[in-house]
Amino acid sequence: SKLVTEKIPTLDEILKFASHRIRLNIEIKASPHSPGLVESVVSLIRENGFENQCVISSFEYSVLSEVKRLDPNLKTGIIITAAIANYTNLPNVDFYSMSSIFLSKSKVESLHLRGYEVFVWGVNDANTMRRMIAIGVDNMIVSDPLVAKKIVYADNANLIVMRIGDAVFG
């Protein structure tokens, strides 16, 4: 058997490749073994002019606070892994990133009223994607981008055509 020698790209290489192509959700998992990680990530984003093409997410509020201290214009999101009853107003957070299992229309509306966007992960099938769109999430992290593209564009295009038809033809 042939040995595969694939190299894992650095964040710098990814930012250069992705520039003007796609947006990125960069998750920072801080550790005592990686001091200066947040500062390095923010520096790479700025050096590559990628500020408007990415968001930074983390489970740790302290990481997001450090990102905002280094660059207040970077968009940050807190990843929530459990169902929570009450949302806290977090000044260094722009969005909540939550599991599709825990989300309802009322939770999305509650976060929107507080000025937060809602990102959702764990979106693994077409029905969940449709439900997330229906409850008003702002962004979906999906396992199958092709299915998501079809649903977001084809289904919503059909809905828009129907609404235009209703408006024009009553």
N, C-alpha and C. Protein backbone atom coordinates (compact mmCIF):
# COMPACT_ATOMS: atom_id res chain seq x y z
N SER A 1 0.84 -1.19 0.00
CA SER A 1 0.00 0.00 0.00
C SER A 1 0.87 1.25 0.00
N LYS A 2 0.38 2.25 -0.65
CA LYS A 2 1.12 3.50 -0.80
C LYS A 2 0.86 4.41 0.41
N LEU A 3 1.90 5.00 0.94
CA LEU A 3 1.78 5.90 2.08
C LEU A 3 1.28 7.27 1.61
N VAL A 4 0.21 7.74 2.20
CA VAL A 4 -0.32 9.06 1.86
C VAL A 4 0.35 10.09 2.76
N THR A 5 0.89 11.11 2.13
CA THR A 5 1.59 12.13 2.91
C THR A 5 0.91 13.49 2.73
N GLU A 6 -0.34 13.56 3.16
CA GLU A 6 -1.07 14.81 3.10
C GLU A 6 -0.63 15.70 4.24
N LYS A 7 -0.50 16.98 3.97
CA LYS A 7 -0.10 17.95 4.99
C LYS A 7 -1.34 18.73 5.42
N ILE A 8 -1.53 18.88 6.70
CA ILE A 8 -2.63 19.69 7.22
C ILE A 8 -2.27 21.15 6.99
N PRO A 9 -3.13 21.92 6.31
CA PRO A 9 -2.79 23.32 6.03
C PRO A 9 -2.81 24.16 7.31
N THR A 10 -2.00 25.19 7.30
CA THR A 10 -1.99 26.14 8.42
C THR A 10 -3.18 27.09 8.25
N LEU A 11 -3.52 27.79 9.31
CA LEU A 11 -4.60 28.78 9.21
C LEU A 11 -4.23 29.85 8.18
N ASP A 12 -2.98 30.26 8.15
CA ASP A 12 -2.53 31.25 7.18
C ASP A 12 -2.77 30.76 5.76
N GLU A 13 -2.45 29.50 5.47
CA GLU A 13 -2.67 28.93 4.13
C GLU A 13 -4.16 28.87 3.80
N ILE A 14 -4.97 28.51 4.77
CA ILE A 14 -6.42 28.44 4.56
C ILE A 14 -6.99 29.82 4.26
N LEU A 15 -6.58 30.83 5.04
CA LEU A 15 -7.08 32.19 4.82
C LEU A 15 -6.69 32.70 3.43
N LYS A 16 -5.46 32.40 3.02
CA LYS A 16 -5.02 32.84 1.69
C LYS A 16 -5.83 32.13 0.60
N PHE A 17 -6.08 30.84 0.75
CA PHE A 17 -6.84 30.07 -0.23
C PHE A 17 -8.32 30.52 -0.27
N ALA A 18 -8.89 30.79 0.90
CA ALA A 18 -10.32 31.11 1.00
C ALA A 18 -10.64 32.56 0.65
N SER A 19 -9.62 33.41 0.58
CA SER A 19 -9.84 34.84 0.36
C SER A 19 -10.71 35.10 -0.87
N HIS A 20 -11.78 35.87 -0.67
CA HIS A 20 -12.75 36.25 -1.71
C HIS A 20 -13.49 35.04 -2.29
N ARG A 21 -13.42 33.88 -1.62
CA ARG A 21 -14.12 32.68 -2.09
C ARG A 21 -15.23 32.27 -1.14
N ILE A 22 -14.88 32.13 0.13
CA ILE A 22 -15.86 31.66 1.12
C ILE A 22 -15.65 32.40 2.43
N ARG A 23 -16.70 32.33 3.26
CA ARG A 23 -16.61 32.86 4.62
C ARG A 23 -16.25 31.69 5.54
N LEU A 24 -15.58 31.99 6.64
CA LEU A 24 -15.18 30.94 7.57
C LEU A 24 -15.70 31.21 8.98
N ASN A 25 -16.05 30.14 9.66
CA ASN A 25 -16.35 30.17 11.09
C ASN A 25 -15.13 29.55 11.76
N ILE A 26 -14.30 30.37 12.37
CA ILE A 26 -13.06 29.91 12.98
C ILE A 26 -13.32 29.67 14.46
N GLU A 27 -13.28 28.40 14.86
CA GLU A 27 -13.51 28.05 16.27
C GLU A 27 -12.17 27.99 16.99
N ILE A 28 -12.09 28.72 18.10
CA ILE A 28 -10.87 28.71 18.91
C ILE A 28 -11.10 27.86 20.15
N LYS A 29 -10.28 26.82 20.29
CA LYS A 29 -10.30 25.97 21.48
C LYS A 29 -9.02 26.26 22.25
N ALA A 30 -9.14 27.15 23.22
CA ALA A 30 -7.97 27.57 23.97
C ALA A 30 -7.51 26.46 24.91
N SER A 31 -6.24 26.50 25.22
CA SER A 31 -5.64 25.49 26.10
C SER A 31 -4.43 26.11 26.79
N PRO A 32 -4.12 25.65 28.00
CA PRO A 32 -2.90 26.14 28.66
C PRO A 32 -1.65 25.81 27.83
N HIS A 33 -1.77 24.82 26.94
CA HIS A 33 -0.64 24.41 26.11
C HIS A 33 -0.46 25.30 24.89
N SER A 34 -1.38 26.24 24.69
CA SER A 34 -1.28 27.12 23.52
C SER A 34 -1.43 28.58 23.90
N PRO A 35 -0.51 29.09 24.72
CA PRO A 35 -0.58 30.51 25.09
C PRO A 35 -0.36 31.37 23.84
N GLY A 36 -1.06 32.46 23.76
CA GLY A 36 -0.92 33.35 22.61
C GLY A 36 -1.73 32.91 21.40
N LEU A 37 -2.53 31.85 21.53
CA LEU A 37 -3.31 31.35 20.39
C LEU A 37 -4.28 32.41 19.87
N VAL A 38 -5.03 33.03 20.77
CA VAL A 38 -6.04 34.01 20.34
C VAL A 38 -5.36 35.17 19.61
N GLU A 39 -4.27 35.65 20.17
CA GLU A 39 -3.54 36.75 19.55
C GLU A 39 -3.02 36.36 18.17
N SER A 40 -2.52 35.13 18.03
CA SER A 40 -2.02 34.66 16.73
C SER A 40 -3.14 34.57 15.70
N VAL A 41 -4.29 34.04 16.11
CA VAL A 41 -5.42 33.91 15.19
C VAL A 41 -5.88 35.29 14.71
N VAL A 42 -6.05 36.22 15.64
CA VAL A 42 -6.49 37.57 15.28
C VAL A 42 -5.46 38.24 14.36
N SER A 43 -4.18 38.06 14.66
CA SER A 43 -3.12 38.64 13.81
C SER A 43 -3.19 38.09 12.39
N LEU A 44 -3.36 36.77 12.25
CA LEU A 44 -3.45 36.16 10.91
C LEU A 44 -4.66 36.67 10.14
N ILE A 45 -5.79 36.81 10.84
CA ILE A 45 -6.99 37.33 10.20
C ILE A 45 -6.74 38.74 9.67
N ARG A 46 -6.11 39.56 10.49
CA ARG A 46 -5.85 40.96 10.09
C ARG A 46 -4.81 41.03 8.97
N GLU A 47 -3.74 40.24 9.08
CA GLU A 47 -2.69 40.25 8.05
C GLU A 47 -3.24 39.85 6.69
N ASN A 48 -4.23 38.96 6.69
CA ASN A 48 -4.81 38.47 5.44
C ASN A 48 -6.04 39.27 5.00
N GLY A 49 -6.37 40.34 5.75
CA GLY A 49 -7.53 41.16 5.39
C GLY A 49 -8.82 40.35 5.38
N PHE A 50 -8.95 39.42 6.33
CA PHE A 50 -10.06 38.48 6.35
C PHE A 50 -11.15 38.86 7.35
N GLU A 51 -11.06 40.06 7.93
CA GLU A 51 -11.99 40.46 9.00
C GLU A 51 -13.46 40.36 8.61
N ASN A 52 -13.78 40.69 7.37
CA ASN A 52 -15.18 40.69 6.93
C ASN A 52 -15.61 39.37 6.30
N GLN A 53 -14.71 38.38 6.32
CA GLN A 53 -15.02 37.09 5.72
C GLN A 53 -15.10 35.97 6.77
N CYS A 54 -15.05 36.34 8.05
CA CYS A 54 -15.06 35.28 9.06
C CYS A 54 -15.78 35.71 10.33
N VAL A 55 -16.11 34.70 11.10
CA VAL A 55 -16.58 34.90 12.47
C VAL A 55 -15.70 34.02 13.35
N ILE A 56 -15.62 34.38 14.62
CA ILE A 56 -14.83 33.61 15.59
C ILE A 56 -15.81 33.02 16.59
N SER A 57 -15.73 31.72 16.82
CA SER A 57 -16.60 31.11 17.82
C SER A 57 -15.76 30.34 18.84
N SER A 58 -16.34 30.18 20.03
CA SER A 58 -15.65 29.45 21.10
C SER A 58 -16.66 29.06 22.17
N PHE A 59 -16.32 28.00 22.90
CA PHE A 59 -17.11 27.60 24.06
C PHE A 59 -16.82 28.54 25.23
N GLU A 60 -15.69 29.23 25.17
CA GLU A 60 -15.22 30.01 26.31
C GLU A 60 -15.41 31.51 26.08
N TYR A 61 -16.18 32.12 26.97
CA TYR A 61 -16.44 33.56 26.87
C TYR A 61 -15.14 34.36 26.97
N SER A 62 -14.20 33.90 27.80
CA SER A 62 -12.93 34.62 27.97
C SER A 62 -12.16 34.74 26.65
N VAL A 63 -12.25 33.71 25.81
CA VAL A 63 -11.61 33.74 24.49
C VAL A 63 -12.23 34.83 23.64
N LEU A 64 -13.56 34.90 23.64
CA LEU A 64 -14.26 35.90 22.83
C LEU A 64 -13.98 37.31 23.34
N SER A 65 -13.86 37.46 24.65
CA SER A 65 -13.53 38.76 25.23
C SER A 65 -12.14 39.21 24.77
N GLU A 66 -11.21 38.26 24.70
CA GLU A 66 -9.86 38.60 24.25
C GLU A 66 -9.86 38.97 22.76
N VAL A 67 -10.65 38.25 21.96
CA VAL A 67 -10.77 38.59 20.53
C VAL A 67 -11.27 40.02 20.39
N LYS A 68 -12.33 40.38 21.12
CA LYS A 68 -12.92 41.73 21.03
C LYS A 68 -11.93 42.79 21.53
N ARG A 69 -11.13 42.45 22.54
CA ARG A 69 -10.13 43.40 23.04
C ARG A 69 -9.08 43.68 21.94
N LEU A 70 -8.70 42.63 21.21
CA LEU A 70 -7.70 42.78 20.16
C LEU A 70 -8.27 43.42 18.90
N ASP A 71 -9.53 43.11 18.59
CA ASP A 71 -10.18 43.69 17.40
C ASP A 71 -11.69 43.72 17.63
N PRO A 72 -12.22 44.86 18.09
CA PRO A 72 -13.65 44.97 18.41
C PRO A 72 -14.57 44.73 17.21
N ASN A 73 -14.03 44.82 15.99
CA ASN A 73 -14.86 44.65 14.80
C ASN A 73 -15.05 43.20 14.38
N LEU A 74 -14.26 42.30 14.93
CA LEU A 74 -14.44 40.88 14.58
C LEU A 74 -15.74 40.38 15.20
N LYS A 75 -16.48 39.59 14.43
CA LYS A 75 -17.76 39.05 14.88
C LYS A 75 -17.52 37.77 15.68
N THR A 76 -18.07 37.70 16.90
CA THR A 76 -17.81 36.58 17.79
C THR A 76 -19.10 35.88 18.22
N GLY A 77 -18.98 34.58 18.47
CA GLY A 77 -20.14 33.81 18.90
C GLY A 77 -19.79 32.79 19.96
N ILE A 78 -20.68 32.66 20.93
CA ILE A 78 -20.50 31.69 22.01
C ILE A 78 -21.22 30.39 21.63
N ILE A 79 -20.52 29.28 21.77
CA ILE A 79 -21.09 27.97 21.46
C ILE A 79 -21.73 27.43 22.73
N ILE A 80 -23.02 27.10 22.64
CA ILE A 80 -23.78 26.58 23.78
C ILE A 80 -24.10 25.12 23.49
N THR A 81 -23.76 24.24 24.44
CA THR A 81 -23.96 22.80 24.19
C THR A 81 -25.15 22.21 24.94
N ALA A 82 -25.78 22.99 25.81
CA ALA A 82 -26.92 22.48 26.59
C ALA A 82 -28.12 23.40 26.42
N ALA A 83 -29.28 22.88 26.74
CA ALA A 83 -30.48 23.71 26.71
C ALA A 83 -30.40 24.68 27.88
N ILE A 84 -30.61 25.95 27.62
CA ILE A 84 -30.61 26.93 28.72
C ILE A 84 -31.92 27.68 28.69
N ALA A 85 -32.40 28.01 29.89
CA ALA A 85 -33.70 28.67 30.00
C ALA A 85 -33.58 30.18 29.77
N ASN A 86 -32.55 30.79 30.36
CA ASN A 86 -32.41 32.23 30.26
C ASN A 86 -31.08 32.58 29.60
N TYR A 87 -31.13 33.56 28.70
CA TYR A 87 -29.92 33.98 28.02
C TYR A 87 -29.34 35.19 28.73
N THR A 88 -28.04 35.19 28.84
CA THR A 88 -27.34 36.28 29.50
C THR A 88 -26.95 37.30 28.44
N ASN A 89 -26.99 38.56 28.81
CA ASN A 89 -26.48 39.58 27.89
C ASN A 89 -24.96 39.59 27.99
N LEU A 90 -24.32 39.16 26.93
CA LEU A 90 -22.86 39.05 26.89
C LEU A 90 -22.32 40.13 25.95
N PRO A 91 -21.65 41.14 26.50
CA PRO A 91 -21.22 42.27 25.68
C PRO A 91 -20.19 41.92 24.59
N ASN A 92 -19.43 40.84 24.76
CA ASN A 92 -18.41 40.50 23.76
C ASN A 92 -18.86 39.41 22.80
N VAL A 93 -20.18 39.24 22.69
CA VAL A 93 -20.74 38.20 21.83
C VAL A 93 -21.70 38.83 20.83
N ASP A 94 -21.58 38.41 19.56
CA ASP A 94 -22.49 38.88 18.51
C ASP A 94 -23.54 37.84 18.16
N PHE A 95 -23.22 36.56 18.40
CA PHE A 95 -24.18 35.50 18.08
C PHE A 95 -24.04 34.33 19.05
N TYR A 96 -25.16 33.64 19.19
CA TYR A 96 -25.18 32.38 19.94
C TYR A 96 -25.14 31.25 18.92
N SER A 97 -24.29 30.25 19.15
CA SER A 97 -24.20 29.08 18.29
C SER A 97 -24.74 27.90 19.09
N MET A 98 -25.88 27.34 18.64
CA MET A 98 -26.58 26.35 19.45
C MET A 98 -26.98 25.12 18.64
N SER A 99 -27.20 24.03 19.35
CA SER A 99 -27.65 22.79 18.71
C SER A 99 -29.08 22.93 18.21
N SER A 100 -29.34 22.34 17.06
CA SER A 100 -30.70 22.37 16.49
C SER A 100 -31.71 21.68 17.41
N ILE A 101 -31.23 20.75 18.23
CA ILE A 101 -32.11 20.00 19.14
C ILE A 101 -32.80 20.94 20.13
N PHE A 102 -32.07 21.97 20.59
CA PHE A 102 -32.58 22.83 21.66
C PHE A 102 -33.31 24.07 21.15
N LEU A 103 -33.32 24.28 19.85
CA LEU A 103 -33.86 25.55 19.35
C LEU A 103 -35.34 25.50 19.02
N SER A 104 -36.02 26.58 19.38
CA SER A 104 -37.43 26.76 19.05
C SER A 104 -37.58 28.19 18.54
N LYS A 105 -38.72 28.46 17.94
CA LYS A 105 -38.99 29.81 17.43
C LYS A 105 -38.92 30.84 18.56
N SER A 106 -39.45 30.50 19.73
CA SER A 106 -39.45 31.46 20.84
C SER A 106 -38.02 31.75 21.32
N LYS A 107 -37.15 30.74 21.33
CA LYS A 107 -35.76 30.97 21.74
C LYS A 107 -35.04 31.86 20.74
N VAL A 108 -35.27 31.60 19.44
CA VAL A 108 -34.65 32.42 18.41
C VAL A 108 -35.14 33.87 18.53
N GLU A 109 -36.44 34.04 18.71
CA GLU A 109 -37.01 35.39 18.85
C GLU A 109 -36.46 36.10 20.08
N SER A 110 -36.33 35.37 21.18
CA SER A 110 -35.80 35.94 22.42
C SER A 110 -34.36 36.45 22.21
N LEU A 111 -33.55 35.67 21.52
CA LEU A 111 -32.16 36.10 21.26
C LEU A 111 -32.13 37.27 20.28
N HIS A 112 -32.99 37.24 19.26
CA HIS A 112 -33.05 38.35 18.32
C HIS A 112 -33.44 39.65 19.03
N LEU A 113 -34.39 39.56 19.94
CA LEU A 113 -34.81 40.75 20.69
C LEU A 113 -33.67 41.34 21.52
N ARG A 114 -32.75 40.49 21.95
CA ARG A 114 -31.59 40.95 22.72
C ARG A 114 -30.46 41.44 21.81
N GLY A 115 -30.67 41.36 20.49
CA GLY A 115 -29.67 41.87 19.55
C GLY A 115 -28.66 40.84 19.07
N TYR A 116 -28.89 39.57 19.35
CA TYR A 116 -27.96 38.52 18.93
C TYR A 116 -28.46 37.84 17.66
N GLU A 117 -27.52 37.37 16.84
CA GLU A 117 -27.86 36.47 15.76
C GLU A 117 -27.85 35.05 16.34
N VAL A 118 -28.48 34.12 15.63
CA VAL A 118 -28.53 32.73 16.08
C VAL A 118 -27.96 31.84 14.99
N PHE A 119 -26.85 31.16 15.32
CA PHE A 119 -26.25 30.17 14.45
C PHE A 119 -26.66 28.81 15.01
N VAL A 120 -26.85 27.84 14.13
CA VAL A 120 -27.28 26.52 14.60
C VAL A 120 -26.37 25.46 14.00
N TRP A 121 -26.03 24.46 14.84
CA TRP A 121 -25.23 23.33 14.37
C TRP A 121 -25.98 22.04 14.65
N GLY A 122 -25.46 20.94 14.11
CA GLY A 122 -26.17 19.66 14.26
C GLY A 122 -27.32 19.56 13.27
N VAL A 123 -27.18 20.25 12.14
CA VAL A 123 -28.22 20.24 11.12
C VAL A 123 -27.82 19.19 10.08
N ASN A 124 -28.40 17.99 10.22
CA ASN A 124 -27.92 16.85 9.43
C ASN A 124 -28.86 16.35 8.36
N ASP A 125 -30.06 16.92 8.25
CA ASP A 125 -30.99 16.43 7.23
C ASP A 125 -31.89 17.57 6.74
N ALA A 126 -32.55 17.31 5.63
CA ALA A 126 -33.37 18.33 4.98
C ALA A 126 -34.50 18.84 5.87
N ASN A 127 -35.15 17.94 6.61
CA ASN A 127 -36.26 18.38 7.47
C ASN A 127 -35.79 19.33 8.57
N THR A 128 -34.63 19.02 9.16
CA THR A 128 -34.09 19.91 10.20
C THR A 128 -33.73 21.26 9.58
N MET A 129 -33.15 21.24 8.38
CA MET A 129 -32.81 22.49 7.70
C MET A 129 -34.06 23.34 7.49
N ARG A 130 -35.12 22.72 7.01
CA ARG A 130 -36.37 23.46 6.77
C ARG A 130 -36.93 24.02 8.08
N ARG A 131 -36.87 23.23 9.14
CA ARG A 131 -37.38 23.68 10.45
C ARG A 131 -36.56 24.87 10.94
N MET A 132 -35.23 24.83 10.77
CA MET A 132 -34.38 25.94 11.23
C MET A 132 -34.68 27.22 10.45
N ILE A 133 -34.92 27.08 9.15
CA ILE A 133 -35.28 28.25 8.33
C ILE A 133 -36.62 28.81 8.83
N ALA A 134 -37.56 27.91 9.10
CA ALA A 134 -38.90 28.32 9.53
C ALA A 134 -38.88 29.05 10.87
N ILE A 135 -37.98 28.67 11.77
CA ILE A 135 -37.95 29.34 13.09
C ILE A 135 -37.06 30.57 13.08
N GLY A 136 -36.41 30.86 11.94
CA GLY A 136 -35.73 32.15 11.79
C GLY A 136 -34.27 32.22 12.17
N VAL A 137 -33.54 31.08 12.14
CA VAL A 137 -32.12 31.15 12.46
C VAL A 137 -31.40 31.99 11.40
N ASP A 138 -30.25 32.55 11.77
CA ASP A 138 -29.51 33.41 10.86
C ASP A 138 -28.45 32.67 10.06
N ASN A 139 -28.03 31.50 10.56
CA ASN A 139 -26.93 30.78 9.93
C ASN A 139 -27.01 29.32 10.35
N MET A 140 -26.73 28.41 9.41
CA MET A 140 -26.74 26.98 9.73
C MET A 140 -25.38 26.37 9.44
N ILE A 141 -24.89 25.56 10.38
CA ILE A 141 -23.68 24.77 10.18
C ILE A 141 -24.18 23.37 9.86
N VAL A 142 -23.99 22.95 8.60
CA VAL A 142 -24.64 21.74 8.10
C VAL A 142 -23.63 20.65 7.77
N SER A 143 -24.11 19.40 7.76
CA SER A 143 -23.24 18.29 7.40
C SER A 143 -23.23 18.05 5.90
N ASP A 144 -24.26 18.51 5.18
CA ASP A 144 -24.34 18.32 3.74
C ASP A 144 -24.65 19.64 3.04
N PRO A 145 -23.59 20.36 2.64
CA PRO A 145 -23.79 21.68 2.03
C PRO A 145 -24.61 21.64 0.74
N LEU A 146 -24.54 20.55 -0.03
CA LEU A 146 -25.30 20.49 -1.28
C LEU A 146 -26.80 20.44 -1.02
N VAL A 147 -27.20 19.65 -0.03
CA VAL A 147 -28.62 19.60 0.34
C VAL A 147 -29.05 20.97 0.87
N ALA A 148 -28.20 21.58 1.69
CA ALA A 148 -28.53 22.90 2.25
C ALA A 148 -28.71 23.93 1.14
N LYS A 149 -27.81 23.90 0.16
CA LYS A 149 -27.90 24.87 -0.95
C LYS A 149 -29.22 24.69 -1.69
N LYS A 150 -29.60 23.46 -1.94
CA LYS A 150 -30.85 23.18 -2.65
C LYS A 150 -32.04 23.71 -1.84
N ILE A 151 -32.04 23.43 -0.55
CA ILE A 151 -33.17 23.84 0.29
C ILE A 151 -33.23 25.36 0.41
N VAL A 152 -32.10 25.97 0.69
CA VAL A 152 -32.08 27.42 0.89
C VAL A 152 -32.46 28.15 -0.39
N TYR A 153 -31.90 27.71 -1.51
CA TYR A 153 -32.16 28.43 -2.76
C TYR A 153 -33.41 27.95 -3.47
N ALA A 154 -33.56 26.65 -3.67
CA ALA A 154 -34.72 26.14 -4.43
C ALA A 154 -36.02 26.33 -3.65
N ASP A 155 -36.05 25.89 -2.40
CA ASP A 155 -37.28 26.01 -1.61
C ASP A 155 -37.66 27.47 -1.42
N ASN A 156 -36.70 28.30 -1.07
CA ASN A 156 -37.00 29.71 -0.82
C ASN A 156 -37.36 30.43 -2.11
N ALA A 157 -36.73 30.03 -3.23
CA ALA A 157 -37.09 30.64 -4.51
C ALA A 157 -38.55 30.32 -4.83
N ASN A 158 -38.97 29.08 -4.59
CA ASN A 158 -40.37 28.71 -4.82
C ASN A 158 -41.30 29.53 -3.95
N LEU A 159 -40.92 29.73 -2.69
CA LEU A 159 -41.73 30.51 -1.76
C LEU A 159 -41.86 31.95 -2.23
N ILE A 160 -40.75 32.53 -2.70
CA ILE A 160 -40.77 33.91 -3.19
C ILE A 160 -41.67 34.02 -4.41
N VAL A 161 -41.56 33.06 -5.34
CA VAL A 161 -42.41 33.06 -6.54
C VAL A 161 -43.87 32.99 -6.13
N MET A 162 -44.19 32.13 -5.15
CA MET A 162 -45.57 32.01 -4.70
C MET A 162 -46.07 33.31 -4.07
N ARG A 163 -45.21 33.97 -3.28
CA ARG A 163 -45.61 35.23 -2.65
C ARG A 163 -45.84 36.32 -3.69
N ILE A 164 -44.97 36.36 -4.71
CA ILE A 164 -45.14 37.34 -5.79
C ILE A 164 -46.46 37.04 -6.53
N GLY A 165 -46.70 35.76 -6.77
CA GLY A 165 -47.95 35.36 -7.44
C GLY A 165 -49.17 35.80 -6.64
N ASP A 166 -49.11 35.59 -5.33
CA ASP A 166 -50.23 36.01 -4.46
C ASP A 166 -50.42 37.53 -4.54
N ALA A 167 -49.31 38.27 -4.53
CA ALA A 167 -49.40 39.72 -4.55
C ALA A 167 -49.95 40.22 -5.88
N VAL A 168 -49.51 39.60 -6.97
CA VAL A 168 -49.91 40.06 -8.30
C VAL A 168 -51.32 39.61 -8.64
N PHE A 169 -51.62 38.33 -8.35
CA PHE A 169 -52.90 37.76 -8.77
C PHE A 169 -53.94 37.68 -7.67
N GLY A 170 -53.56 38.07 -6.45
CA GLY A 170 -54.51 38.06 -5.35
C GLY A 170 -54.79 36.67 -4.90
